[in-house]
Amino acid sequence: MFDMKNLTRLKKLDENAPETMKAFWAFDKEAFKDGAIDVLHKQLMAVAVALTTQCPYCIELHVRAARQAGANDAMLTEAAIVAAAMRAGASITHATHLFKE
């Protein structure tokens, strides 16, 4: 199912919902611009989120963008570890629901 070539079909979304997709692409571009948080750190956040949501397209695209912004293996590794800690932490804190009074 996962094939980066599938992304060429995004143009179908653009054709079928041009105004909505135009707004989406503008939002996406704006979200990843330098601001209070620089592009490198935004892309590292995106990698961590992509690992958490387990979207192979997002992982591929944002790892590439993170590397272009200056991320190295150590940074990507730490982003992955933070993502893993967040998922594990959610499991642990939600485990409190097992013990209703």
N, C-alpha and C. Protein backbone atom coordinates (compact mmCIF):
# COMPACT_ATOMS: atom_id res chain seq x y z
N MET A 1 0.82 -1.20 0.00
CA MET A 1 0.00 0.00 0.00
C MET A 1 0.86 1.26 0.00
N PHE A 2 1.91 1.27 0.82
CA PHE A 2 2.77 2.45 0.89
C PHE A 2 3.69 2.49 -0.31
N ASP A 3 3.62 3.56 -1.04
CA ASP A 3 4.50 3.79 -2.18
C ASP A 3 4.55 5.29 -2.37
N MET A 4 5.75 5.87 -2.30
CA MET A 4 5.88 7.31 -2.43
C MET A 4 5.29 7.82 -3.74
N LYS A 5 5.20 6.97 -4.76
CA LYS A 5 4.59 7.38 -6.02
C LYS A 5 3.11 7.74 -5.85
N ASN A 6 2.49 7.20 -4.80
CA ASN A 6 1.08 7.53 -4.55
C ASN A 6 0.89 9.03 -4.34
N LEU A 7 1.92 9.70 -3.88
CA LEU A 7 1.79 11.13 -3.63
C LEU A 7 1.54 11.93 -4.90
N THR A 8 1.85 11.34 -6.06
CA THR A 8 1.55 12.04 -7.31
C THR A 8 0.03 12.20 -7.49
N ARG A 9 -0.72 11.38 -6.78
CA ARG A 9 -2.18 11.45 -6.86
C ARG A 9 -2.78 12.57 -6.02
N LEU A 10 -1.94 13.27 -5.28
CA LEU A 10 -2.45 14.41 -4.52
C LEU A 10 -3.09 15.44 -5.44
N LYS A 11 -2.63 15.49 -6.68
CA LYS A 11 -3.21 16.44 -7.63
C LYS A 11 -4.70 16.18 -7.84
N LYS A 12 -5.14 14.93 -7.63
CA LYS A 12 -6.58 14.63 -7.73
C LYS A 12 -7.36 15.38 -6.66
N LEU A 13 -6.78 15.46 -5.47
CA LEU A 13 -7.43 16.24 -4.42
C LEU A 13 -7.47 17.71 -4.81
N ASP A 14 -6.35 18.20 -5.35
CA ASP A 14 -6.31 19.60 -5.80
C ASP A 14 -7.37 19.88 -6.86
N GLU A 15 -7.56 18.93 -7.77
CA GLU A 15 -8.54 19.11 -8.84
C GLU A 15 -9.98 19.05 -8.32
N ASN A 16 -10.24 18.16 -7.37
CA ASN A 16 -11.60 17.95 -6.90
C ASN A 16 -12.04 18.89 -5.79
N ALA A 17 -11.09 19.50 -5.11
CA ALA A 17 -11.41 20.47 -4.05
C ALA A 17 -10.38 21.59 -4.09
N PRO A 18 -10.36 22.34 -5.18
CA PRO A 18 -9.27 23.30 -5.38
C PRO A 18 -9.13 24.37 -4.28
N GLU A 19 -10.21 24.92 -3.84
CA GLU A 19 -10.11 25.98 -2.83
C GLU A 19 -9.67 25.42 -1.48
N THR A 20 -10.23 24.28 -1.12
CA THR A 20 -9.87 23.66 0.15
C THR A 20 -8.41 23.23 0.15
N MET A 21 -7.98 22.62 -0.93
CA MET A 21 -6.60 22.17 -0.99
C MET A 21 -5.63 23.35 -1.08
N LYS A 22 -6.02 24.40 -1.75
CA LYS A 22 -5.20 25.61 -1.79
C LYS A 22 -4.99 26.13 -0.36
N ALA A 23 -6.05 26.12 0.41
CA ALA A 23 -5.95 26.57 1.81
C ALA A 23 -5.07 25.62 2.61
N PHE A 24 -5.22 24.31 2.38
CA PHE A 24 -4.39 23.34 3.09
C PHE A 24 -2.92 23.55 2.79
N TRP A 25 -2.57 23.67 1.50
CA TRP A 25 -1.16 23.82 1.13
C TRP A 25 -0.58 25.11 1.69
N ALA A 26 -1.38 26.18 1.72
CA ALA A 26 -0.91 27.44 2.29
C ALA A 26 -0.67 27.30 3.79
N PHE A 27 -1.60 26.63 4.48
CA PHE A 27 -1.45 26.38 5.91
C PHE A 27 -0.20 25.55 6.19
N ASP A 28 -0.02 24.48 5.44
CA ASP A 28 1.12 23.60 5.63
C ASP A 28 2.42 24.36 5.43
N LYS A 29 2.49 25.16 4.38
CA LYS A 29 3.70 25.94 4.09
C LYS A 29 3.98 26.93 5.22
N GLU A 30 2.94 27.59 5.68
CA GLU A 30 3.09 28.57 6.75
C GLU A 30 3.53 27.91 8.06
N ALA A 31 2.97 26.75 8.36
CA ALA A 31 3.28 26.06 9.62
C ALA A 31 4.75 25.69 9.73
N PHE A 32 5.39 25.42 8.61
CA PHE A 32 6.78 24.97 8.64
C PHE A 32 7.79 26.08 8.36
N LYS A 33 7.33 27.32 8.28
CA LYS A 33 8.26 28.44 8.08
C LYS A 33 8.99 28.75 9.38
N ASP A 34 10.16 29.36 9.24
CA ASP A 34 10.87 29.88 10.40
C ASP A 34 9.97 30.84 11.16
N GLY A 35 9.98 30.74 12.45
CA GLY A 35 9.20 31.63 13.29
C GLY A 35 9.83 31.62 14.67
N ALA A 36 9.01 31.58 15.70
CA ALA A 36 9.54 31.48 17.06
C ALA A 36 10.33 30.17 17.20
N ILE A 37 9.96 29.18 16.41
CA ILE A 37 10.69 27.90 16.35
C ILE A 37 11.30 27.80 14.95
N ASP A 38 12.58 27.48 14.88
CA ASP A 38 13.23 27.39 13.57
C ASP A 38 12.81 26.12 12.82
N VAL A 39 13.11 26.11 11.52
CA VAL A 39 12.71 25.03 10.64
C VAL A 39 13.26 23.68 11.11
N LEU A 40 14.50 23.65 11.55
CA LEU A 40 15.09 22.39 12.00
C LEU A 40 14.26 21.79 13.13
N HIS A 41 13.94 22.59 14.13
CA HIS A 41 13.19 22.07 15.27
C HIS A 41 11.74 21.73 14.89
N LYS A 42 11.15 22.48 13.99
CA LYS A 42 9.81 22.14 13.51
C LYS A 42 9.84 20.79 12.80
N GLN A 43 10.85 20.56 11.99
CA GLN A 43 10.94 19.29 11.28
C GLN A 43 11.23 18.13 12.22
N LEU A 44 12.02 18.35 13.25
CA LEU A 44 12.25 17.30 14.24
C LEU A 44 10.96 16.97 14.97
N MET A 45 10.16 17.98 15.28
CA MET A 45 8.84 17.74 15.88
C MET A 45 7.98 16.94 14.93
N ALA A 46 8.02 17.30 13.65
CA ALA A 46 7.21 16.59 12.65
C ALA A 46 7.64 15.13 12.54
N VAL A 47 8.94 14.87 12.62
CA VAL A 47 9.42 13.48 12.59
C VAL A 47 8.87 12.72 13.78
N ALA A 48 8.94 13.31 14.97
CA ALA A 48 8.43 12.64 16.17
C ALA A 48 6.94 12.35 16.05
N VAL A 49 6.18 13.32 15.57
CA VAL A 49 4.74 13.12 15.39
C VAL A 49 4.48 12.05 14.34
N ALA A 50 5.22 12.10 13.25
CA ALA A 50 5.04 11.12 12.17
C ALA A 50 5.33 9.70 12.68
N LEU A 51 6.34 9.57 13.52
CA LEU A 51 6.63 8.25 14.10
C LEU A 51 5.49 7.81 15.01
N THR A 52 4.92 8.76 15.73
CA THR A 52 3.83 8.44 16.64
C THR A 52 2.56 8.08 15.90
N THR A 53 2.26 8.81 14.82
CA THR A 53 1.07 8.48 14.02
C THR A 53 1.34 7.33 13.06
N GLN A 54 2.61 7.00 12.90
CA GLN A 54 3.06 5.90 12.05
C GLN A 54 2.66 6.08 10.58
N CYS A 55 2.76 7.32 10.11
CA CYS A 55 2.49 7.61 8.70
C CYS A 55 3.79 7.50 7.91
N PRO A 56 3.94 6.47 7.07
CA PRO A 56 5.20 6.31 6.35
C PRO A 56 5.50 7.47 5.40
N TYR A 57 4.47 8.07 4.83
CA TYR A 57 4.71 9.21 3.95
C TYR A 57 5.29 10.37 4.74
N CYS A 58 4.68 10.67 5.89
CA CYS A 58 5.16 11.77 6.72
C CYS A 58 6.56 11.50 7.24
N ILE A 59 6.83 10.26 7.63
CA ILE A 59 8.17 9.92 8.11
C ILE A 59 9.19 10.21 7.02
N GLU A 60 8.94 9.70 5.82
CA GLU A 60 9.86 9.90 4.69
C GLU A 60 10.06 11.39 4.39
N LEU A 61 8.97 12.11 4.24
CA LEU A 61 9.06 13.52 3.85
C LEU A 61 9.71 14.39 4.92
N HIS A 62 9.36 14.15 6.18
CA HIS A 62 9.88 15.02 7.24
C HIS A 62 11.30 14.65 7.66
N VAL A 63 11.69 13.38 7.53
CA VAL A 63 13.10 13.04 7.75
C VAL A 63 13.95 13.74 6.69
N ARG A 64 13.49 13.69 5.46
CA ARG A 64 14.21 14.37 4.37
C ARG A 64 14.32 15.87 4.65
N ALA A 65 13.20 16.49 5.03
CA ALA A 65 13.20 17.93 5.31
C ALA A 65 14.06 18.25 6.53
N ALA A 66 14.03 17.40 7.54
CA ALA A 66 14.85 17.62 8.74
C ALA A 66 16.32 17.57 8.38
N ARG A 67 16.70 16.59 7.57
CA ARG A 67 18.10 16.49 7.15
C ARG A 67 18.51 17.72 6.34
N GLN A 68 17.62 18.19 5.47
CA GLN A 68 17.93 19.40 4.69
C GLN A 68 18.09 20.62 5.59
N ALA A 69 17.39 20.60 6.73
CA ALA A 69 17.47 21.72 7.68
C ALA A 69 18.66 21.57 8.63
N GLY A 70 19.40 20.45 8.52
CA GLY A 70 20.60 20.27 9.32
C GLY A 70 20.55 19.17 10.35
N ALA A 71 19.49 18.39 10.39
CA ALA A 71 19.40 17.30 11.36
C ALA A 71 20.42 16.22 11.05
N ASN A 72 21.01 15.69 12.10
CA ASN A 72 21.94 14.57 11.95
C ASN A 72 21.33 13.32 12.57
N ASP A 73 22.04 12.21 12.50
CA ASP A 73 21.52 10.95 13.02
C ASP A 73 21.20 11.02 14.50
N ALA A 74 22.04 11.69 15.27
CA ALA A 74 21.81 11.79 16.71
C ALA A 74 20.51 12.55 17.00
N MET A 75 20.26 13.63 16.27
CA MET A 75 19.04 14.40 16.47
C MET A 75 17.80 13.59 16.11
N LEU A 76 17.87 12.89 14.99
CA LEU A 76 16.74 12.06 14.57
C LEU A 76 16.50 10.93 15.57
N THR A 77 17.58 10.37 16.10
CA THR A 77 17.45 9.32 17.10
C THR A 77 16.75 9.84 18.35
N GLU A 78 17.15 11.02 18.81
CA GLU A 78 16.52 11.58 20.00
C GLU A 78 15.06 11.92 19.74
N ALA A 79 14.74 12.39 18.54
CA ALA A 79 13.34 12.65 18.20
C ALA A 79 12.53 11.36 18.27
N ALA A 80 13.12 10.27 17.78
CA ALA A 80 12.45 8.97 17.83
C ALA A 80 12.26 8.51 19.27
N ILE A 81 13.25 8.74 20.12
CA ILE A 81 13.15 8.34 21.52
C ILE A 81 12.09 9.16 22.24
N VAL A 82 12.01 10.45 21.95
CA VAL A 82 10.96 11.29 22.54
C VAL A 82 9.58 10.79 22.11
N ALA A 83 9.45 10.45 20.82
CA ALA A 83 8.17 9.92 20.33
C ALA A 83 7.81 8.64 21.07
N ALA A 84 8.78 7.76 21.26
CA ALA A 84 8.54 6.51 21.97
C ALA A 84 8.15 6.77 23.42
N ALA A 85 8.81 7.71 24.06
CA ALA A 85 8.50 8.05 25.45
C ALA A 85 7.08 8.61 25.58
N MET A 86 6.68 9.41 24.60
CA MET A 86 5.32 9.97 24.63
C MET A 86 4.27 8.87 24.51
N ARG A 87 4.50 7.94 23.61
CA ARG A 87 3.54 6.83 23.45
C ARG A 87 3.51 5.96 24.70
N ALA A 88 4.69 5.67 25.24
CA ALA A 88 4.74 4.84 26.46
C ALA A 88 4.09 5.58 27.63
N GLY A 89 4.37 6.85 27.73
CA GLY A 89 3.79 7.64 28.82
C GLY A 89 2.28 7.69 28.75
N ALA A 90 1.75 7.77 27.55
CA ALA A 90 0.29 7.78 27.39
C ALA A 90 -0.31 6.45 27.85
N SER A 91 0.36 5.36 27.55
CA SER A 91 -0.12 4.05 28.01
C SER A 91 -0.12 3.97 29.53
N ILE A 92 0.95 4.44 30.14
CA ILE A 92 1.06 4.39 31.60
C ILE A 92 0.02 5.28 32.26
N THR A 93 -0.11 6.52 31.78
CA THR A 93 -1.08 7.41 32.44
C THR A 93 -2.51 6.95 32.20
N HIS A 94 -2.80 6.40 31.04
CA HIS A 94 -4.14 5.88 30.80
C HIS A 94 -4.41 4.60 31.60
N ALA A 95 -3.36 3.93 32.05
CA ALA A 95 -3.54 2.74 32.88
C ALA A 95 -4.22 3.09 34.21
N THR A 96 -4.17 4.36 34.60
CA THR A 96 -4.87 4.75 35.84
C THR A 96 -6.37 4.51 35.74
N HIS A 97 -6.89 4.43 34.52
CA HIS A 97 -8.31 4.17 34.32
C HIS A 97 -8.69 2.72 34.63
N LEU A 98 -7.68 1.88 34.81
CA LEU A 98 -7.93 0.47 35.14
C LEU A 98 -8.44 0.30 36.56
N PHE A 99 -8.18 1.31 37.39
CA PHE A 99 -8.44 1.18 38.82
C PHE A 99 -9.51 2.15 39.29
N LYS A 100 -10.70 1.98 38.80
CA LYS A 100 -11.84 2.82 39.19
C LYS A 100 -12.25 2.47 40.60
N GLU A 101 -12.65 3.46 41.33
CA GLU A 101 -13.10 3.22 42.70
C GLU A 101 -14.57 2.96 42.78
